[in-house]
Each structure stands twice: as structure tokens, then as C-alpha cells.
ModelCIF file with pLDDT and N, C-alpha, C, O atoms, coordinates in Angstrom:
data_MODEL
#
_entry.id   MODEL 
#
_entity.id                         1 
_entity.type                       polymer 
_entity.pdbx_number_of_molecules   1 
#
_entity_poly.entity_id                      1 
_entity_poly.type                           'polypeptide(L)' 
_entity_poly.nstd_linkage                   no 
_entity_poly.nstd_monomer                   no 
_entity_poly.pdbx_seq_one_letter_code       
;(UNK)(UNK)(UNK)(UNK)(UNK)(UNK)(UNK)(UNK)(UNK)(UNK)(UNK)(UNK)(UNK)(UNK)(UNK)(UNK)
(UNK)(UNK)(UNK)(UNK)(UNK)(UNK)(UNK)(UNK)(UNK)(UNK)(UNK)(UNK)(UNK)(UNK)(UNK)(UNK)
(UNK)(UNK)(UNK)(UNK)(UNK)(UNK)(UNK)(UNK)(UNK)(UNK)(UNK)(UNK)(UNK)(UNK)(UNK)
;
_entity_poly.pdbx_seq_one_letter_code_can   XXXXXXXXXXXXXXXXXXXXXXXXXXXXXXXXXXXXXXXXXXXXXXX 
_entity_poly.pdbx_strand_id                 A 
#
loop_
_entity_poly_seq.entity_id 
_entity_poly_seq.num 
_entity_poly_seq.mon_id 
_entity_poly_seq.hetero 
1 1  UNK n 
1 2  UNK n 
1 3  UNK n 
1 4  UNK n 
1 5  UNK n 
1 6  UNK n 
1 7  UNK n 
1 8  UNK n 
1 9  UNK n 
1 10 UNK n 
1 11 UNK n 
1 12 UNK n 
1 13 UNK n 
1 14 UNK n 
1 15 UNK n 
1 16 UNK n 
1 17 UNK n 
1 18 UNK n 
1 19 UNK n 
1 20 UNK n 
1 21 UNK n 
1 22 UNK n 
1 23 UNK n 
1 24 UNK n 
1 25 UNK n 
1 26 UNK n 
1 27 UNK n 
1 28 UNK n 
1 29 UNK n 
1 30 UNK n 
1 31 UNK n 
1 32 UNK n 
1 33 UNK n 
1 34 UNK n 
1 35 UNK n 
1 36 UNK n 
1 37 UNK n 
1 38 UNK n 
1 39 UNK n 
1 40 UNK n 
1 41 UNK n 
1 42 UNK n 
1 43 UNK n 
1 44 UNK n 
1 45 UNK n 
1 46 UNK n 
1 47 UNK n 
#
_struct_asym.id          A 
_struct_asym.entity_id   1 
#
loop_
_ma_qa_metric.id 
_ma_qa_metric.mode 
_ma_qa_metric.name 
_ma_qa_metric.software_group_id 
_ma_qa_metric.type 
1 global pLDDT . pLDDT 
2 local  pLDDT . pLDDT 
#
_ma_qa_metric_global.metric_id      1 
_ma_qa_metric_global.metric_value   92.53 
_ma_qa_metric_global.model_id       1 
_ma_qa_metric_global.ordinal_id     1 
#
loop_
_ma_qa_metric_local.label_asym_id 
_ma_qa_metric_local.label_comp_id 
_ma_qa_metric_local.label_seq_id 
_ma_qa_metric_local.metric_id 
_ma_qa_metric_local.metric_value 
_ma_qa_metric_local.model_id 
_ma_qa_metric_local.ordinal_id 
A UNK 1  2 91.00 1 1  
A UNK 2  2 92.00 1 2  
A UNK 3  2 92.00 1 3  
A UNK 4  2 93.00 1 4  
A UNK 5  2 93.00 1 5  
A UNK 6  2 93.00 1 6  
A UNK 7  2 93.00 1 7  
A UNK 8  2 95.00 1 8  
A UNK 9  2 94.00 1 9  
A UNK 10 2 94.00 1 10 
A UNK 11 2 94.00 1 11 
A UNK 12 2 94.00 1 12 
A UNK 13 2 94.00 1 13 
A UNK 14 2 94.00 1 14 
A UNK 15 2 95.00 1 15 
A UNK 16 2 94.00 1 16 
A UNK 17 2 93.00 1 17 
A UNK 18 2 95.00 1 18 
A UNK 19 2 93.00 1 19 
A UNK 20 2 89.00 1 20 
A UNK 21 2 90.00 1 21 
A UNK 22 2 91.00 1 22 
A UNK 23 2 85.00 1 23 
A UNK 24 2 89.00 1 24 
A UNK 25 2 88.00 1 25 
A UNK 26 2 91.00 1 26 
A UNK 27 2 93.00 1 27 
A UNK 28 2 94.00 1 28 
A UNK 29 2 95.00 1 29 
A UNK 30 2 94.00 1 30 
A UNK 31 2 94.00 1 31 
A UNK 32 2 96.00 1 32 
A UNK 33 2 95.00 1 33 
A UNK 34 2 93.00 1 34 
A UNK 35 2 95.00 1 35 
A UNK 36 2 95.00 1 36 
A UNK 37 2 94.00 1 37 
A UNK 38 2 93.00 1 38 
A UNK 39 2 94.00 1 39 
A UNK 40 2 94.00 1 40 
A UNK 41 2 95.00 1 41 
A UNK 42 2 94.00 1 42 
A UNK 43 2 93.00 1 43 
A UNK 44 2 91.00 1 44 
A UNK 45 2 87.00 1 45 
A UNK 46 2 86.00 1 46 
A UNK 47 2 85.00 1 47 
#
loop_
_atom_site.group_PDB 
_atom_site.id 
_atom_site.type_symbol 
_atom_site.label_atom_id 
_atom_site.label_alt_id 
_atom_site.label_comp_id 
_atom_site.label_asym_id 
_atom_site.label_entity_id 
_atom_site.label_seq_id 
_atom_site.pdbx_PDB_ins_code 
_atom_site.Cartn_x 
_atom_site.Cartn_y 
_atom_site.Cartn_z 
_atom_site.occupancy 
_atom_site.B_iso_or_equiv 
_atom_site.pdbx_formal_charge 
_atom_site.auth_seq_id 
_atom_site.auth_comp_id 
_atom_site.auth_asym_id 
_atom_site.auth_atom_id 
_atom_site.pdbx_PDB_model_num 
ATOM 1   N N  . UNK A 1 1  ? 17.497 49.521 79.757 1.00 91.00 ? 1  UNK A N  1 
ATOM 2   C CA . UNK A 1 1  ? 18.381 48.968 80.753 1.00 91.00 ? 1  UNK A CA 1 
ATOM 3   C C  . UNK A 1 1  ? 19.183 49.920 81.747 1.00 91.00 ? 1  UNK A C  1 
ATOM 4   O O  . UNK A 1 1  ? 20.049 50.603 81.201 1.00 91.00 ? 1  UNK A O  1 
ATOM 5   N N  . UNK A 1 2  ? 19.044 50.055 82.986 1.00 92.00 ? 2  UNK A N  1 
ATOM 6   C CA . UNK A 1 2  ? 19.380 50.910 83.807 1.00 92.00 ? 2  UNK A CA 1 
ATOM 7   C C  . UNK A 1 2  ? 20.761 50.710 84.440 1.00 92.00 ? 2  UNK A C  1 
ATOM 8   O O  . UNK A 1 2  ? 21.199 49.562 84.518 1.00 92.00 ? 2  UNK A O  1 
ATOM 9   N N  . UNK A 1 3  ? 21.522 51.808 84.925 1.00 92.00 ? 3  UNK A N  1 
ATOM 10  C CA . UNK A 1 3  ? 22.583 51.072 85.887 1.00 92.00 ? 3  UNK A CA 1 
ATOM 11  C C  . UNK A 1 3  ? 21.967 50.188 87.146 1.00 92.00 ? 3  UNK A C  1 
ATOM 12  O O  . UNK A 1 3  ? 22.487 49.170 87.604 1.00 92.00 ? 3  UNK A O  1 
ATOM 13  N N  . UNK A 1 4  ? 20.993 50.682 87.505 1.00 93.00 ? 4  UNK A N  1 
ATOM 14  C CA . UNK A 1 4  ? 20.344 49.702 88.737 1.00 93.00 ? 4  UNK A CA 1 
ATOM 15  C C  . UNK A 1 4  ? 20.448 48.088 88.088 1.00 93.00 ? 4  UNK A C  1 
ATOM 16  O O  . UNK A 1 4  ? 21.100 47.166 88.577 1.00 93.00 ? 4  UNK A O  1 
ATOM 17  N N  . UNK A 1 5  ? 19.861 48.059 87.220 1.00 93.00 ? 5  UNK A N  1 
ATOM 18  C CA . UNK A 1 5  ? 19.538 46.843 86.381 1.00 93.00 ? 5  UNK A CA 1 
ATOM 19  C C  . UNK A 1 5  ? 20.899 45.848 86.418 1.00 93.00 ? 5  UNK A C  1 
ATOM 20  O O  . UNK A 1 5  ? 21.085 44.731 86.902 1.00 93.00 ? 5  UNK A O  1 
ATOM 21  N N  . UNK A 1 6  ? 21.865 46.894 85.587 1.00 93.00 ? 6  UNK A N  1 
ATOM 22  C CA . UNK A 1 6  ? 23.040 46.143 85.608 1.00 93.00 ? 6  UNK A CA 1 
ATOM 23  C C  . UNK A 1 6  ? 23.669 45.616 86.795 1.00 93.00 ? 6  UNK A C  1 
ATOM 24  O O  . UNK A 1 6  ? 24.124 44.472 86.800 1.00 93.00 ? 6  UNK A O  1 
ATOM 25  N N  . UNK A 1 7  ? 23.732 46.466 87.920 1.00 93.00 ? 7  UNK A N  1 
ATOM 26  C CA . UNK A 1 7  ? 24.233 45.992 89.335 1.00 93.00 ? 7  UNK A CA 1 
ATOM 27  C C  . UNK A 1 7  ? 23.359 45.072 89.921 1.00 93.00 ? 7  UNK A C  1 
ATOM 28  O O  . UNK A 1 7  ? 23.885 44.148 90.540 1.00 93.00 ? 7  UNK A O  1 
ATOM 29  N N  . UNK A 1 8  ? 22.110 45.123 89.860 1.00 95.00 ? 8  UNK A N  1 
ATOM 30  C CA . UNK A 1 8  ? 21.428 44.150 90.681 1.00 95.00 ? 8  UNK A CA 1 
ATOM 31  C C  . UNK A 1 8  ? 20.880 42.874 89.822 1.00 95.00 ? 8  UNK A C  1 
ATOM 32  O O  . UNK A 1 8  ? 20.803 41.763 90.346 1.00 95.00 ? 8  UNK A O  1 
ATOM 33  N N  . UNK A 1 9  ? 20.599 43.053 88.809 1.00 94.00 ? 9  UNK A N  1 
ATOM 34  C CA . UNK A 1 9  ? 20.098 41.856 87.855 1.00 94.00 ? 9  UNK A CA 1 
ATOM 35  C C  . UNK A 1 9  ? 21.251 41.050 87.136 1.00 94.00 ? 9  UNK A C  1 
ATOM 36  O O  . UNK A 1 9  ? 21.112 39.847 86.918 1.00 94.00 ? 9  UNK A O  1 
ATOM 37  N N  . UNK A 1 10 ? 22.315 41.692 86.797 1.00 94.00 ? 10 UNK A N  1 
ATOM 38  C CA . UNK A 1 10 ? 23.358 41.009 85.972 1.00 94.00 ? 10 UNK A CA 1 
ATOM 39  C C  . UNK A 1 10 ? 24.721 41.063 86.814 1.00 94.00 ? 10 UNK A C  1 
ATOM 40  O O  . UNK A 1 10 ? 25.786 40.620 86.386 1.00 94.00 ? 10 UNK A O  1 
ATOM 41  N N  . UNK A 1 11 ? 24.578 41.560 87.847 1.00 94.00 ? 11 UNK A N  1 
ATOM 42  C CA . UNK A 1 11 ? 25.834 41.422 88.765 1.00 94.00 ? 11 UNK A CA 1 
ATOM 43  C C  . UNK A 1 11 ? 27.012 42.240 88.506 1.00 94.00 ? 11 UNK A C  1 
ATOM 44  O O  . UNK A 1 11 ? 28.113 41.909 88.946 1.00 94.00 ? 11 UNK A O  1 
ATOM 45  N N  . UNK A 1 12 ? 26.839 43.250 87.839 1.00 94.00 ? 12 UNK A N  1 
ATOM 46  C CA . UNK A 1 12 ? 28.094 44.177 87.324 1.00 94.00 ? 12 UNK A CA 1 
ATOM 47  C C  . UNK A 1 12 ? 28.207 44.943 88.713 1.00 94.00 ? 12 UNK A C  1 
ATOM 48  O O  . UNK A 1 12 ? 27.354 45.414 89.465 1.00 94.00 ? 12 UNK A O  1 
ATOM 49  N N  . UNK A 1 13 ? 29.381 44.893 88.751 1.00 94.00 ? 13 UNK A N  1 
ATOM 50  C CA . UNK A 1 13 ? 29.811 45.850 90.168 1.00 94.00 ? 13 UNK A CA 1 
ATOM 51  C C  . UNK A 1 13 ? 29.812 47.659 89.968 1.00 94.00 ? 13 UNK A C  1 
ATOM 52  O O  . UNK A 1 13 ? 30.059 48.272 88.930 1.00 94.00 ? 13 UNK A O  1 
ATOM 53  N N  . UNK A 1 14 ? 29.504 48.146 91.123 1.00 94.00 ? 14 UNK A N  1 
ATOM 54  C CA . UNK A 1 14 ? 29.457 49.600 90.825 1.00 94.00 ? 14 UNK A CA 1 
ATOM 55  C C  . UNK A 1 14 ? 30.596 50.216 90.525 1.00 94.00 ? 14 UNK A C  1 
ATOM 56  O O  . UNK A 1 14 ? 30.544 51.276 89.902 1.00 94.00 ? 14 UNK A O  1 
ATOM 57  N N  . UNK A 1 15 ? 31.912 49.624 90.939 1.00 95.00 ? 15 UNK A N  1 
ATOM 58  C CA . UNK A 1 15 ? 33.197 50.107 90.696 1.00 95.00 ? 15 UNK A CA 1 
ATOM 59  C C  . UNK A 1 15 ? 33.349 49.703 89.149 1.00 95.00 ? 15 UNK A C  1 
ATOM 60  O O  . UNK A 1 15 ? 34.042 50.435 88.442 1.00 95.00 ? 15 UNK A O  1 
ATOM 61  N N  . UNK A 1 16 ? 32.859 48.805 88.705 1.00 94.00 ? 16 UNK A N  1 
ATOM 62  C CA . UNK A 1 16 ? 33.218 48.361 87.220 1.00 94.00 ? 16 UNK A CA 1 
ATOM 63  C C  . UNK A 1 16 ? 32.079 49.558 86.457 1.00 94.00 ? 16 UNK A C  1 
ATOM 64  O O  . UNK A 1 16 ? 32.460 49.923 85.345 1.00 94.00 ? 16 UNK A O  1 
ATOM 65  N N  . UNK A 1 17 ? 31.182 49.978 86.787 1.00 93.00 ? 17 UNK A N  1 
ATOM 66  C CA . UNK A 1 17 ? 30.096 50.969 86.153 1.00 93.00 ? 17 UNK A CA 1 
ATOM 67  C C  . UNK A 1 17 ? 31.238 52.386 86.271 1.00 93.00 ? 17 UNK A C  1 
ATOM 68  O O  . UNK A 1 17 ? 31.458 53.083 85.280 1.00 93.00 ? 17 UNK A O  1 
ATOM 69  N N  . UNK A 1 18 ? 31.851 52.642 87.539 1.00 95.00 ? 18 UNK A N  1 
ATOM 70  C CA . UNK A 1 18 ? 32.542 53.829 87.655 1.00 95.00 ? 18 UNK A CA 1 
ATOM 71  C C  . UNK A 1 18 ? 33.635 53.789 86.469 1.00 95.00 ? 18 UNK A C  1 
ATOM 72  O O  . UNK A 1 18 ? 33.815 54.771 85.748 1.00 95.00 ? 18 UNK A O  1 
ATOM 73  N N  . UNK A 1 19 ? 34.313 52.652 86.327 1.00 93.00 ? 19 UNK A N  1 
ATOM 74  C CA . UNK A 1 19 ? 35.384 52.637 85.323 1.00 93.00 ? 19 UNK A CA 1 
ATOM 75  C C  . UNK A 1 19 ? 34.686 52.820 83.890 1.00 93.00 ? 19 UNK A C  1 
ATOM 76  O O  . UNK A 1 19 ? 35.249 53.563 83.085 1.00 93.00 ? 19 UNK A O  1 
ATOM 77  N N  . UNK A 1 20 ? 33.621 52.251 83.566 1.00 89.00 ? 20 UNK A N  1 
ATOM 78  C CA . UNK A 1 20 ? 33.055 52.490 82.229 1.00 89.00 ? 20 UNK A CA 1 
ATOM 79  C C  . UNK A 1 20 ? 32.875 54.059 81.986 1.00 89.00 ? 20 UNK A C  1 
ATOM 80  O O  . UNK A 1 20 ? 33.242 54.676 80.986 1.00 89.00 ? 20 UNK A O  1 
ATOM 81  N N  . UNK A 1 21 ? 32.198 54.596 83.171 1.00 90.00 ? 21 UNK A N  1 
ATOM 82  C CA . UNK A 1 21 ? 31.979 56.294 82.895 1.00 90.00 ? 21 UNK A CA 1 
ATOM 83  C C  . UNK A 1 21 ? 33.233 57.180 83.129 1.00 90.00 ? 21 UNK A C  1 
ATOM 84  O O  . UNK A 1 21 ? 33.049 58.395 83.058 1.00 90.00 ? 21 UNK A O  1 
ATOM 85  N N  . UNK A 1 22 ? 34.369 56.771 83.373 1.00 91.00 ? 22 UNK A N  1 
ATOM 86  C CA . UNK A 1 22 ? 35.283 57.309 83.461 1.00 91.00 ? 22 UNK A CA 1 
ATOM 87  C C  . UNK A 1 22 ? 36.422 56.832 82.385 1.00 91.00 ? 22 UNK A C  1 
ATOM 88  O O  . UNK A 1 22 ? 37.603 57.156 82.516 1.00 91.00 ? 22 UNK A O  1 
ATOM 89  N N  . UNK A 1 23 ? 36.035 56.189 81.525 1.00 85.00 ? 23 UNK A N  1 
ATOM 90  C CA . UNK A 1 23 ? 36.953 55.939 80.275 1.00 85.00 ? 23 UNK A CA 1 
ATOM 91  C C  . UNK A 1 23 ? 38.266 55.077 80.879 1.00 85.00 ? 23 UNK A C  1 
ATOM 92  O O  . UNK A 1 23 ? 39.397 55.246 80.422 1.00 85.00 ? 23 UNK A O  1 
ATOM 93  N N  . UNK A 1 24 ? 38.003 54.237 81.843 1.00 89.00 ? 24 UNK A N  1 
ATOM 94  C CA . UNK A 1 24 ? 39.002 53.396 82.499 1.00 89.00 ? 24 UNK A CA 1 
ATOM 95  C C  . UNK A 1 24 ? 39.063 52.104 81.923 1.00 89.00 ? 24 UNK A C  1 
ATOM 96  O O  . UNK A 1 24 ? 38.011 51.593 81.538 1.00 89.00 ? 24 UNK A O  1 
ATOM 97  N N  . UNK A 1 25 ? 40.308 51.403 81.785 1.00 88.00 ? 25 UNK A N  1 
ATOM 98  C CA . UNK A 1 25 ? 40.332 49.891 81.345 1.00 88.00 ? 25 UNK A CA 1 
ATOM 99  C C  . UNK A 1 25 ? 39.232 48.903 81.970 1.00 88.00 ? 25 UNK A C  1 
ATOM 100 O O  . UNK A 1 25 ? 38.936 48.928 83.165 1.00 88.00 ? 25 UNK A O  1 
ATOM 101 N N  . UNK A 1 26 ? 38.675 48.054 81.061 1.00 91.00 ? 26 UNK A N  1 
ATOM 102 C CA . UNK A 1 26 ? 37.878 47.078 81.441 1.00 91.00 ? 26 UNK A CA 1 
ATOM 103 C C  . UNK A 1 26 ? 38.246 45.714 80.768 1.00 91.00 ? 26 UNK A C  1 
ATOM 104 O O  . UNK A 1 26 ? 38.963 45.687 79.768 1.00 91.00 ? 26 UNK A O  1 
ATOM 105 N N  . UNK A 1 27 ? 37.777 44.674 81.297 1.00 93.00 ? 27 UNK A N  1 
ATOM 106 C CA . UNK A 1 27 ? 38.282 43.427 80.541 1.00 93.00 ? 27 UNK A CA 1 
ATOM 107 C C  . UNK A 1 27 ? 37.439 42.984 79.466 1.00 93.00 ? 27 UNK A C  1 
ATOM 108 O O  . UNK A 1 27 ? 36.297 43.442 79.418 1.00 93.00 ? 27 UNK A O  1 
ATOM 109 N N  . UNK A 1 28 ? 37.819 42.174 78.605 1.00 94.00 ? 28 UNK A N  1 
ATOM 110 C CA . UNK A 1 28 ? 37.422 41.817 77.448 1.00 94.00 ? 28 UNK A CA 1 
ATOM 111 C C  . UNK A 1 28 ? 36.196 40.808 77.878 1.00 94.00 ? 28 UNK A C  1 
ATOM 112 O O  . UNK A 1 28 ? 35.297 40.574 77.071 1.00 94.00 ? 28 UNK A O  1 
ATOM 113 N N  . UNK A 1 29 ? 36.207 40.246 79.142 1.00 95.00 ? 29 UNK A N  1 
ATOM 114 C CA . UNK A 1 29 ? 34.994 39.503 79.777 1.00 95.00 ? 29 UNK A CA 1 
ATOM 115 C C  . UNK A 1 29 ? 33.899 40.468 79.872 1.00 95.00 ? 29 UNK A C  1 
ATOM 116 O O  . UNK A 1 29 ? 32.778 40.101 79.520 1.00 95.00 ? 29 UNK A O  1 
ATOM 117 N N  . UNK A 1 30 ? 34.060 41.485 80.242 1.00 94.00 ? 30 UNK A N  1 
ATOM 118 C CA . UNK A 1 30 ? 32.894 42.827 80.695 1.00 94.00 ? 30 UNK A CA 1 
ATOM 119 C C  . UNK A 1 30 ? 32.166 43.172 79.420 1.00 94.00 ? 30 UNK A C  1 
ATOM 120 O O  . UNK A 1 30 ? 30.954 43.317 79.262 1.00 94.00 ? 30 UNK A O  1 
ATOM 121 N N  . UNK A 1 31 ? 33.425 43.303 78.291 1.00 94.00 ? 31 UNK A N  1 
ATOM 122 C CA . UNK A 1 31 ? 32.635 43.623 77.130 1.00 94.00 ? 31 UNK A CA 1 
ATOM 123 C C  . UNK A 1 31 ? 31.881 42.628 76.550 1.00 94.00 ? 31 UNK A C  1 
ATOM 124 O O  . UNK A 1 31 ? 30.898 43.033 75.929 1.00 94.00 ? 31 UNK A O  1 
ATOM 125 N N  . UNK A 1 32 ? 32.067 41.431 76.577 1.00 96.00 ? 32 UNK A N  1 
ATOM 126 C CA . UNK A 1 32 ? 31.326 40.176 76.013 1.00 96.00 ? 32 UNK A CA 1 
ATOM 127 C C  . UNK A 1 32 ? 30.188 40.092 76.852 1.00 96.00 ? 32 UNK A C  1 
ATOM 128 O O  . UNK A 1 32 ? 29.147 39.647 76.368 1.00 96.00 ? 32 UNK A O  1 
ATOM 129 N N  . UNK A 1 33 ? 30.227 40.449 78.030 1.00 95.00 ? 33 UNK A N  1 
ATOM 130 C CA . UNK A 1 33 ? 28.931 40.047 79.018 1.00 95.00 ? 33 UNK A CA 1 
ATOM 131 C C  . UNK A 1 33 ? 27.850 41.543 78.562 1.00 95.00 ? 33 UNK A C  1 
ATOM 132 O O  . UNK A 1 33 ? 26.654 41.456 78.284 1.00 95.00 ? 33 UNK A O  1 
ATOM 133 N N  . UNK A 1 34 ? 28.552 42.660 78.586 1.00 93.00 ? 34 UNK A N  1 
ATOM 134 C CA . UNK A 1 34 ? 27.799 43.688 78.047 1.00 93.00 ? 34 UNK A CA 1 
ATOM 135 C C  . UNK A 1 34 ? 26.966 43.577 76.793 1.00 93.00 ? 34 UNK A C  1 
ATOM 136 O O  . UNK A 1 34 ? 25.805 43.959 76.650 1.00 93.00 ? 34 UNK A O  1 
ATOM 137 N N  . UNK A 1 35 ? 27.761 42.982 75.897 1.00 95.00 ? 35 UNK A N  1 
ATOM 138 C CA . UNK A 1 35 ? 27.221 42.624 74.320 1.00 95.00 ? 35 UNK A CA 1 
ATOM 139 C C  . UNK A 1 35 ? 25.769 41.662 74.811 1.00 95.00 ? 35 UNK A C  1 
ATOM 140 O O  . UNK A 1 35 ? 24.609 41.993 74.567 1.00 95.00 ? 35 UNK A O  1 
ATOM 141 N N  . UNK A 1 36 ? 26.088 40.745 75.356 1.00 95.00 ? 36 UNK A N  1 
ATOM 142 C CA . UNK A 1 36 ? 25.027 39.535 75.647 1.00 95.00 ? 36 UNK A CA 1 
ATOM 143 C C  . UNK A 1 36 ? 23.950 40.241 76.123 1.00 95.00 ? 36 UNK A C  1 
ATOM 144 O O  . UNK A 1 36 ? 22.849 40.071 75.600 1.00 95.00 ? 36 UNK A O  1 
ATOM 145 N N  . UNK A 1 37 ? 24.179 41.428 77.536 1.00 94.00 ? 37 UNK A N  1 
ATOM 146 C CA . UNK A 1 37 ? 23.007 42.051 78.128 1.00 94.00 ? 37 UNK A CA 1 
ATOM 147 C C  . UNK A 1 37 ? 22.151 42.939 77.179 1.00 94.00 ? 37 UNK A C  1 
ATOM 148 O O  . UNK A 1 37 ? 20.921 42.920 77.158 1.00 94.00 ? 37 UNK A O  1 
ATOM 149 N N  . UNK A 1 38 ? 22.867 43.645 76.471 1.00 93.00 ? 38 UNK A N  1 
ATOM 150 C CA . UNK A 1 38 ? 22.353 44.810 75.701 1.00 93.00 ? 38 UNK A CA 1 
ATOM 151 C C  . UNK A 1 38 ? 22.052 44.135 73.986 1.00 93.00 ? 38 UNK A C  1 
ATOM 152 O O  . UNK A 1 38 ? 21.659 44.828 73.047 1.00 93.00 ? 38 UNK A O  1 
ATOM 153 N N  . UNK A 1 39 ? 22.324 42.787 73.923 1.00 94.00 ? 39 UNK A N  1 
ATOM 154 C CA . UNK A 1 39 ? 22.230 42.048 72.566 1.00 94.00 ? 39 UNK A CA 1 
ATOM 155 C C  . UNK A 1 39 ? 22.632 43.229 71.666 1.00 94.00 ? 39 UNK A C  1 
ATOM 156 O O  . UNK A 1 39 ? 21.825 43.919 71.043 1.00 94.00 ? 39 UNK A O  1 
ATOM 157 N N  . UNK A 1 40 ? 23.895 43.376 71.666 1.00 94.00 ? 40 UNK A N  1 
ATOM 158 C CA . UNK A 1 40 ? 24.476 44.256 70.467 1.00 94.00 ? 40 UNK A CA 1 
ATOM 159 C C  . UNK A 1 40 ? 25.865 43.825 70.256 1.00 94.00 ? 40 UNK A C  1 
ATOM 160 O O  . UNK A 1 40 ? 26.413 43.088 71.075 1.00 94.00 ? 40 UNK A O  1 
ATOM 161 N N  . UNK A 1 41 ? 26.483 44.261 69.164 1.00 95.00 ? 41 UNK A N  1 
ATOM 162 C CA . UNK A 1 41 ? 27.885 44.174 68.752 1.00 95.00 ? 41 UNK A CA 1 
ATOM 163 C C  . UNK A 1 41 ? 28.872 44.800 69.336 1.00 95.00 ? 41 UNK A C  1 
ATOM 164 O O  . UNK A 1 41 ? 28.520 45.828 69.914 1.00 95.00 ? 41 UNK A O  1 
ATOM 165 N N  . UNK A 1 42 ? 30.201 44.494 69.400 1.00 94.00 ? 42 UNK A N  1 
ATOM 166 C CA . UNK A 1 42 ? 31.199 45.197 70.407 1.00 94.00 ? 42 UNK A CA 1 
ATOM 167 C C  . UNK A 1 42 ? 31.282 46.380 69.591 1.00 94.00 ? 42 UNK A C  1 
ATOM 168 O O  . UNK A 1 42 ? 31.534 47.332 70.329 1.00 94.00 ? 42 UNK A O  1 
ATOM 169 N N  . UNK A 1 43 ? 31.181 46.726 68.414 1.00 93.00 ? 43 UNK A N  1 
ATOM 170 C CA . UNK A 1 43 ? 31.443 48.157 67.778 1.00 93.00 ? 43 UNK A CA 1 
ATOM 171 C C  . UNK A 1 43 ? 30.145 48.995 68.368 1.00 93.00 ? 43 UNK A C  1 
ATOM 172 O O  . UNK A 1 43 ? 30.198 50.224 68.413 1.00 93.00 ? 43 UNK A O  1 
ATOM 173 N N  . UNK A 1 44 ? 29.165 48.389 68.746 1.00 91.00 ? 44 UNK A N  1 
ATOM 174 C CA . UNK A 1 44 ? 28.093 49.136 69.238 1.00 91.00 ? 44 UNK A CA 1 
ATOM 175 C C  . UNK A 1 44 ? 28.343 50.123 70.850 1.00 91.00 ? 44 UNK A C  1 
ATOM 176 O O  . UNK A 1 44 ? 27.704 51.076 71.295 1.00 91.00 ? 44 UNK A O  1 
ATOM 177 N N  . UNK A 1 45 ? 29.322 49.521 71.293 1.00 87.00 ? 45 UNK A N  1 
ATOM 178 C CA . UNK A 1 45 ? 29.479 49.938 72.802 1.00 87.00 ? 45 UNK A CA 1 
ATOM 179 C C  . UNK A 1 45 ? 31.136 50.658 72.966 1.00 87.00 ? 45 UNK A C  1 
ATOM 180 O O  . UNK A 1 45 ? 31.360 51.545 73.790 1.00 87.00 ? 45 UNK A O  1 
ATOM 181 N N  . UNK A 1 46 ? 31.998 50.205 72.211 1.00 86.00 ? 46 UNK A N  1 
ATOM 182 C CA . UNK A 1 46 ? 33.460 50.499 72.301 1.00 86.00 ? 46 UNK A CA 1 
ATOM 183 C C  . UNK A 1 46 ? 34.032 51.160 70.978 1.00 86.00 ? 46 UNK A C  1 
ATOM 184 O O  . UNK A 1 46 ? 33.595 50.869 69.865 1.00 86.00 ? 46 UNK A O  1 
ATOM 185 N N  . UNK A 1 47 ? 34.818 51.870 71.149 1.00 85.00 ? 47 UNK A N  1 
ATOM 186 C CA . UNK A 1 47 ? 35.433 52.501 69.832 1.00 85.00 ? 47 UNK A CA 1 
ATOM 187 C C  . UNK A 1 47 ? 37.006 52.779 70.104 1.00 85.00 ? 47 UNK A C  1 
ATOM 188 O O  . UNK A 1 47 ? 37.708 53.273 69.221 1.00 85.00 ? 47 UNK A O  1 
#
């Protein structure tokens, strides 16, 4: 899954991608959405 796919297929905003890449705060809803998209557990994407 690419950044392009997250933005265009899953409607994750580019500003949200920026926040993720720069270790800024994100919502628990986004974490939930990413887990669904990536078919993974929370601990696989955050620490």
C-alpha cells in the first residue's frame, strides 16, 4: 500500500500523511482506519 493509495483510495488526507511522517498527533479513529486498511494490530503501527 502506497501513500498514493492511502490518499486516493482510502481518503486519508495528505496533511494527515504529513502528520504521521513527522511524529505529530493523530486521532484514534485514524489509527483504527489504518489498522483496517493494513489488516494489522495497533502495536504494529504505533509505539
